[in-house]
Amino acid sequence: MVVAVKKLKSESKQGFEEWQSEVNFLGRLSHPNLVKLLGYCWEEDLLLVYEFMPKGSLENHLFRRGSAFEPLSWSLRLKIVIGAARGLAFLHSSEKHVIYRDFKASNILLDSNYNPKLSDFGLAKHGPTGGDTHVTTRVMGTYGYAAPEYVSTGHLYVKSDVYGFGVVLLEMLSGLRALDLSRRSDQHNLVTWAKPLLSDRRKLCRLVDQRLEGQYPSKAAFKVAQLILKCLEVEPKSRPSMVEVVETLEHIESTKGRLREGREHNSLASSTTSNVDR
């Protein structure tokens, strides 16, 4: 049986807490869109043993170039984000709400059929209980994906995960990293730069990943753009729940648009993309 093994660095203090978190959460939670923890070792070396995910991370498929990473089709991208959204929705609706806290493309792993599974529960945390709306905790995670209220106050909401999902959905649509200092200065932060394009149907084609080569239905792309904007709302309460996100994405997937529309929009975009550093 092929497995994946993660070994804790002996000098890592923070890593022990993350190792414990992974055992505690993945040892108790089971869902088709969460990676399976097969076992662990706490004698001498601290090890975690997972099911092996042959296709690697979503991050590699979106951003790596080369024969090993063919561009993901529109339908595959939707399949992956829907599965990832289902995983988050499961965490949020579990008996003790679980906030994942580090939702990003590198933590979404793909099996041989491109079924996505959330991995790395080292930063996961139980959500608020009783009448509380949030938990207050030390700010951790990945810059560019973390929700603004969490970064500025340390207040962590269930819907802080929804913001992170919106960022990954934007990466899926654009094929661009959330944060990339090699881009033009006004494009370093993808969310800041992309928001005006997401809200304008005519400009959206400038943002859609050119590796799709126009092979996407433009109406569906615009619906995805609208969902991204909702997920990226500044106020947590204004963001949709992950259950609502799943329903919206499933509806978009079930509505078969004409690829010809995407090709037409892509040809219109060709004259404008020269100013966009990719």
Protein backbone atom coordinates (compact mmCIF):
# COMPACT_ATOMS: atom_id res chain seq x y z
CA MET A 1 0.00 0.00 0.00
CA VAL A 2 1.44 3.36 -1.02
CA VAL A 3 1.21 5.99 1.72
CA ALA A 4 2.43 9.52 2.41
CA VAL A 5 4.44 10.13 5.58
CA LYS A 6 5.00 13.47 7.28
CA LYS A 7 7.84 13.68 9.78
CA LEU A 8 8.10 16.37 12.44
CA LYS A 9 11.39 18.25 12.48
CA SER A 10 13.09 17.55 15.78
CA GLU A 11 13.87 21.25 16.40
CA SER A 12 10.29 22.40 15.76
CA LYS A 13 8.33 23.48 18.87
CA GLN A 14 5.30 24.82 17.07
CA GLY A 15 5.26 21.66 14.95
CA PHE A 16 4.36 19.48 17.95
CA GLU A 17 1.15 21.43 18.49
CA GLU A 18 0.30 21.06 14.80
CA TRP A 19 1.05 17.33 14.94
CA GLN A 20 -1.34 17.00 17.89
CA SER A 21 -3.99 19.02 16.05
CA GLU A 22 -3.78 16.77 12.98
CA VAL A 23 -4.18 13.63 15.11
CA ASN A 24 -7.06 15.12 17.10
CA PHE A 25 -9.05 16.34 14.10
CA LEU A 26 -8.30 13.76 11.40
CA GLY A 27 -8.48 10.97 13.98
CA ARG A 28 -12.12 11.90 14.65
CA LEU A 29 -13.40 13.31 11.36
CA SER A 30 -14.18 11.35 8.23
CA HIS A 31 -15.48 12.70 4.91
CA PRO A 32 -14.79 11.94 1.22
CA ASN A 33 -13.20 15.38 0.84
CA LEU A 34 -10.84 15.15 3.82
CA VAL A 35 -7.56 13.28 3.50
CA LYS A 36 -7.49 10.03 5.52
CA LEU A 37 -5.09 9.77 8.44
CA LEU A 38 -4.05 6.11 8.41
CA GLY A 39 -1.81 6.17 11.45
CA TYR A 40 0.77 8.00 13.50
CA CYS A 41 3.88 7.37 15.55
CA TRP A 42 4.94 9.13 18.74
CA GLU A 43 7.95 7.03 19.69
CA GLU A 44 11.30 8.70 18.92
CA ASP A 45 10.11 10.34 15.67
CA LEU A 46 6.72 11.99 15.44
CA LEU A 47 5.14 10.75 12.22
CA LEU A 48 1.79 11.10 10.47
CA VAL A 49 0.75 8.53 7.85
CA TYR A 50 -1.81 9.54 5.22
CA GLU A 51 -3.40 8.02 2.16
CA PHE A 52 -1.28 8.83 -0.90
CA MET A 53 -2.76 11.39 -3.30
CA PRO A 54 -1.22 10.65 -6.74
CA LYS A 55 -2.07 13.94 -8.47
CA GLY A 56 -0.45 16.11 -5.80
CA SER A 57 -1.73 19.56 -4.87
CA LEU A 58 -4.10 21.90 -6.68
CA GLU A 59 -1.35 24.52 -6.38
CA ASN A 60 0.93 22.50 -8.66
CA HIS A 61 -1.72 22.09 -11.34
CA LEU A 62 -2.69 25.76 -11.31
CA PHE A 63 0.75 27.35 -11.22
CA ARG A 64 3.44 24.87 -12.30
CA ARG A 65 4.41 24.61 -15.94
CA GLY A 66 5.71 21.53 -17.73
CA SER A 67 4.52 18.25 -19.21
CA ALA A 68 3.70 16.81 -15.77
CA PHE A 69 1.08 19.49 -15.17
CA GLU A 70 -1.41 19.85 -17.99
CA PRO A 71 -3.73 22.86 -17.67
CA LEU A 72 -6.91 21.95 -15.79
CA SER A 73 -10.07 22.17 -17.90
CA TRP A 74 -13.00 24.31 -16.78
CA SER A 75 -15.03 21.24 -15.79
CA LEU A 76 -12.15 19.81 -13.76
CA ARG A 77 -11.65 23.12 -11.96
CA LEU A 78 -15.33 23.18 -11.00
CA LYS A 79 -15.18 19.56 -9.83
CA ILE A 80 -12.20 20.33 -7.60
CA VAL A 81 -13.59 23.50 -6.00
CA ILE A 82 -16.98 21.86 -5.41
CA GLY A 83 -15.34 18.94 -3.61
CA ALA A 84 -13.16 21.28 -1.55
CA ALA A 85 -16.23 23.36 -0.69
CA ARG A 86 -18.05 20.22 0.47
CA GLY A 87 -15.13 19.42 2.75
CA LEU A 88 -15.27 22.88 4.33
CA ALA A 89 -19.07 22.73 4.64
CA PHE A 90 -18.71 19.42 6.49
CA LEU A 91 -16.22 20.92 8.94
CA HIS A 92 -18.45 23.94 9.59
CA SER A 93 -21.55 21.82 10.18
CA SER A 94 -19.92 19.20 12.42
CA GLU A 95 -21.14 18.91 16.01
CA LYS A 96 -18.33 21.14 17.24
CA HIS A 97 -17.81 23.64 14.43
CA VAL A 98 -14.30 23.25 13.04
CA ILE A 99 -12.55 26.27 11.52
CA TYR A 100 -9.91 25.05 9.08
CA ARG A 101 -7.93 28.31 9.21
CA ASP A 102 -5.45 27.57 6.42
CA PHE A 103 -7.49 27.05 3.26
CA LYS A 104 -5.20 27.42 0.24
CA ALA A 105 -4.42 25.64 -3.03
CA SER A 106 -1.38 23.81 -1.63
CA ASN A 107 -3.56 22.16 1.05
CA ILE A 108 -6.01 20.73 -1.50
CA LEU A 109 -4.70 17.35 -2.63
CA LEU A 110 -5.99 15.37 -5.64
CA ASP A 111 -6.45 11.63 -6.05
CA SER A 112 -6.00 9.79 -9.34
CA ASN A 113 -9.47 10.95 -10.50
CA TYR A 114 -8.90 14.58 -9.44
CA ASN A 115 -11.17 14.21 -6.43
CA PRO A 116 -10.00 16.86 -3.94
CA LYS A 117 -9.27 16.30 -0.27
CA LEU A 118 -8.35 18.88 2.35
CA SER A 119 -5.06 18.13 4.08
CA ASP A 120 -2.90 19.68 6.81
CA PHE A 121 -5.12 20.27 9.84
CA GLY A 122 -2.27 21.67 11.91
CA LEU A 123 -3.95 25.07 12.31
CA ALA A 124 -7.56 23.83 12.58
CA LYS A 125 -9.50 25.06 15.60
CA HIS A 126 -12.87 24.44 17.18
CA GLY A 127 -15.25 27.29 16.46
CA PRO A 128 -17.20 29.45 18.91
CA THR A 129 -19.59 27.85 21.38
CA GLY A 130 -22.68 29.11 23.18
CA GLY A 131 -23.71 32.56 22.02
CA ASP A 132 -20.24 33.58 20.88
CA THR A 133 -19.73 34.61 17.26
CA HIS A 134 -15.96 34.09 17.15
CA VAL A 135 -12.91 32.81 18.95
CA THR A 136 -9.87 34.97 19.61
CA THR A 137 -6.56 33.36 18.81
CA ARG A 138 -3.01 34.05 17.72
CA VAL A 139 -2.89 35.07 14.06
CA MET A 140 -1.50 32.20 11.99
CA GLY A 141 -2.02 30.98 8.46
CA THR A 142 -0.90 32.25 5.08
CA TYR A 143 -0.83 35.89 4.06
CA GLY A 144 -3.04 36.54 1.04
CA TYR A 145 -5.58 33.90 2.08
CA ALA A 146 -6.33 34.95 5.67
CA ALA A 147 -9.51 36.99 6.22
CA PRO A 148 -8.98 40.71 6.99
CA GLU A 149 -10.83 40.59 10.35
CA TYR A 150 -8.59 37.73 11.50
CA VAL A 151 -5.38 39.46 10.41
CA SER A 152 -6.31 42.77 12.07
CA THR A 153 -7.91 41.56 15.33
CA GLY A 154 -7.19 37.85 15.82
CA HIS A 155 -10.97 37.27 15.83
CA LEU A 156 -11.60 34.00 14.02
CA TYR A 157 -15.07 33.30 12.59
CA VAL A 158 -16.39 30.24 10.81
CA LYS A 159 -16.81 32.57 7.83
CA SER A 160 -13.11 33.46 7.95
CA ASP A 161 -12.72 30.16 6.06
CA VAL A 162 -15.22 31.41 3.46
CA TYR A 163 -12.90 34.33 2.68
CA GLY A 164 -10.00 31.91 2.12
CA PHE A 165 -12.21 29.83 -0.13
CA GLY A 166 -13.01 32.95 -2.16
CA VAL A 167 -9.29 33.58 -2.67
CA VAL A 168 -8.71 30.01 -3.92
CA LEU A 169 -11.75 30.27 -6.18
CA LEU A 170 -10.21 33.45 -7.63
CA GLU A 171 -6.93 31.61 -8.20
CA MET A 172 -8.87 28.85 -9.96
CA LEU A 173 -10.59 31.37 -12.23
CA SER A 174 -7.49 33.41 -13.02
CA GLY A 175 -4.62 30.93 -12.84
CA LEU A 176 -2.74 33.55 -10.80
CA ARG A 177 -1.32 33.27 -7.29
CA ALA A 178 -2.97 35.17 -4.44
CA LEU A 179 0.30 36.95 -3.75
CA ASP A 180 3.08 37.32 -6.30
CA LEU A 181 5.76 39.99 -5.95
CA SER A 182 7.06 39.25 -9.44
CA ARG A 183 3.93 40.84 -10.92
CA ARG A 184 3.53 44.57 -11.48
CA SER A 185 3.26 46.47 -8.16
CA ASP A 186 -0.46 47.17 -8.52
CA GLN A 187 -1.03 43.45 -9.15
CA HIS A 188 1.00 42.01 -6.24
CA ASN A 189 -2.17 41.27 -4.26
CA LEU A 190 -4.57 39.37 -6.52
CA VAL A 191 -7.73 40.18 -4.54
CA THR A 192 -7.09 43.94 -4.56
CA TRP A 193 -6.30 44.01 -8.27
CA ALA A 194 -9.02 41.60 -9.42
CA LYS A 195 -12.07 42.97 -7.59
CA PRO A 196 -12.95 45.66 -10.19
CA LEU A 197 -12.61 43.07 -12.99
CA LEU A 198 -14.82 40.56 -11.17
CA SER A 199 -17.70 43.00 -10.96
CA ASP A 200 -17.62 43.99 -14.64
CA ARG A 201 -18.80 41.35 -17.09
CA ARG A 202 -17.00 43.00 -20.01
CA LYS A 203 -13.65 43.17 -18.20
CA LEU A 204 -13.82 39.68 -16.68
CA CYS A 205 -12.29 38.06 -19.76
CA ARG A 206 -9.04 39.90 -18.95
CA LEU A 207 -8.86 37.93 -15.71
CA VAL A 208 -9.79 34.39 -16.77
CA ASP A 209 -6.82 32.01 -17.02
CA GLN A 210 -5.43 32.15 -20.57
CA ARG A 211 -4.39 28.50 -20.28
CA LEU A 212 -8.07 27.66 -20.70
CA GLU A 213 -7.73 29.05 -24.25
CA GLY A 214 -11.31 30.28 -24.21
CA GLN A 215 -12.69 26.82 -23.41
CA TYR A 216 -15.14 27.99 -20.75
CA PRO A 217 -18.75 29.24 -20.73
CA SER A 218 -18.64 32.98 -20.07
CA LYS A 219 -21.98 33.03 -18.22
CA ALA A 220 -20.69 30.41 -15.79
CA ALA A 221 -17.44 32.34 -15.35
CA PHE A 222 -19.38 35.48 -14.47
CA LYS A 223 -21.48 33.55 -11.92
CA VAL A 224 -18.25 32.26 -10.38
CA ALA A 225 -16.95 35.85 -10.30
CA GLN A 226 -20.11 36.98 -8.46
CA LEU A 227 -19.67 34.18 -5.93
CA ILE A 228 -16.03 35.16 -5.38
CA LEU A 229 -17.08 38.73 -4.58
CA LYS A 230 -19.61 37.46 -2.01
CA CYS A 231 -16.98 35.26 -0.35
CA LEU A 232 -14.55 38.20 -0.20
CA GLU A 233 -16.97 40.58 1.54
CA VAL A 234 -15.18 42.59 4.25
CA GLU A 235 -17.83 41.82 6.90
CA PRO A 236 -17.91 38.11 7.84
CA LYS A 237 -21.70 38.10 8.30
CA SER A 238 -22.13 39.31 4.70
CA ARG A 239 -20.36 36.23 3.32
CA PRO A 240 -22.39 33.15 2.35
CA SER A 241 -22.16 29.94 4.38
CA MET A 242 -20.16 27.09 2.83
CA VAL A 243 -23.43 25.17 2.36
CA GLU A 244 -24.68 28.09 0.22
CA VAL A 245 -21.37 28.14 -1.64
CA VAL A 246 -21.68 24.44 -2.46
CA GLU A 247 -25.25 24.91 -3.71
CA THR A 248 -24.23 27.84 -5.92
CA LEU A 249 -21.28 25.97 -7.44
CA GLU A 250 -23.37 22.85 -8.06
CA HIS A 251 -25.94 25.00 -9.84
CA ILE A 252 -23.21 26.60 -11.98
CA GLU A 253 -21.85 23.14 -12.83
CA SER A 254 -25.29 21.85 -13.82
CA THR A 255 -25.92 24.79 -16.16
CA LYS A 256 -24.19 23.87 -19.37
CA GLY A 257 -23.09 27.00 -21.18
CA ARG A 258 -21.70 27.24 -24.68
CA LEU A 259 -17.93 27.18 -24.91
CA ARG A 260 -18.18 29.36 -28.02
CA GLU A 261 -19.05 32.29 -25.77
CA GLY A 262 -15.81 31.83 -23.88
CA ARG A 263 -13.80 31.70 -27.09
CA GLU A 264 -15.37 34.92 -28.31
CA HIS A 265 -14.60 36.65 -25.04
CA ASN A 266 -11.06 35.32 -25.08
CA SER A 267 -10.44 36.78 -28.53
CA LEU A 268 -11.73 40.13 -27.32
CA ALA A 269 -9.39 39.88 -24.37
CA SER A 270 -6.29 39.26 -26.46
CA SER A 271 -5.88 42.94 -27.22
CA THR A 272 -6.07 43.93 -23.54
CA THR A 273 -4.01 41.26 -21.80
CA SER A 274 -0.73 42.72 -22.97
CA ASN A 275 -0.84 45.12 -20.01
CA VAL A 276 -1.42 42.30 -17.53
CA ASP A 277 1.73 40.77 -16.11
CA ARG A 278 1.24 37.01 -15.60
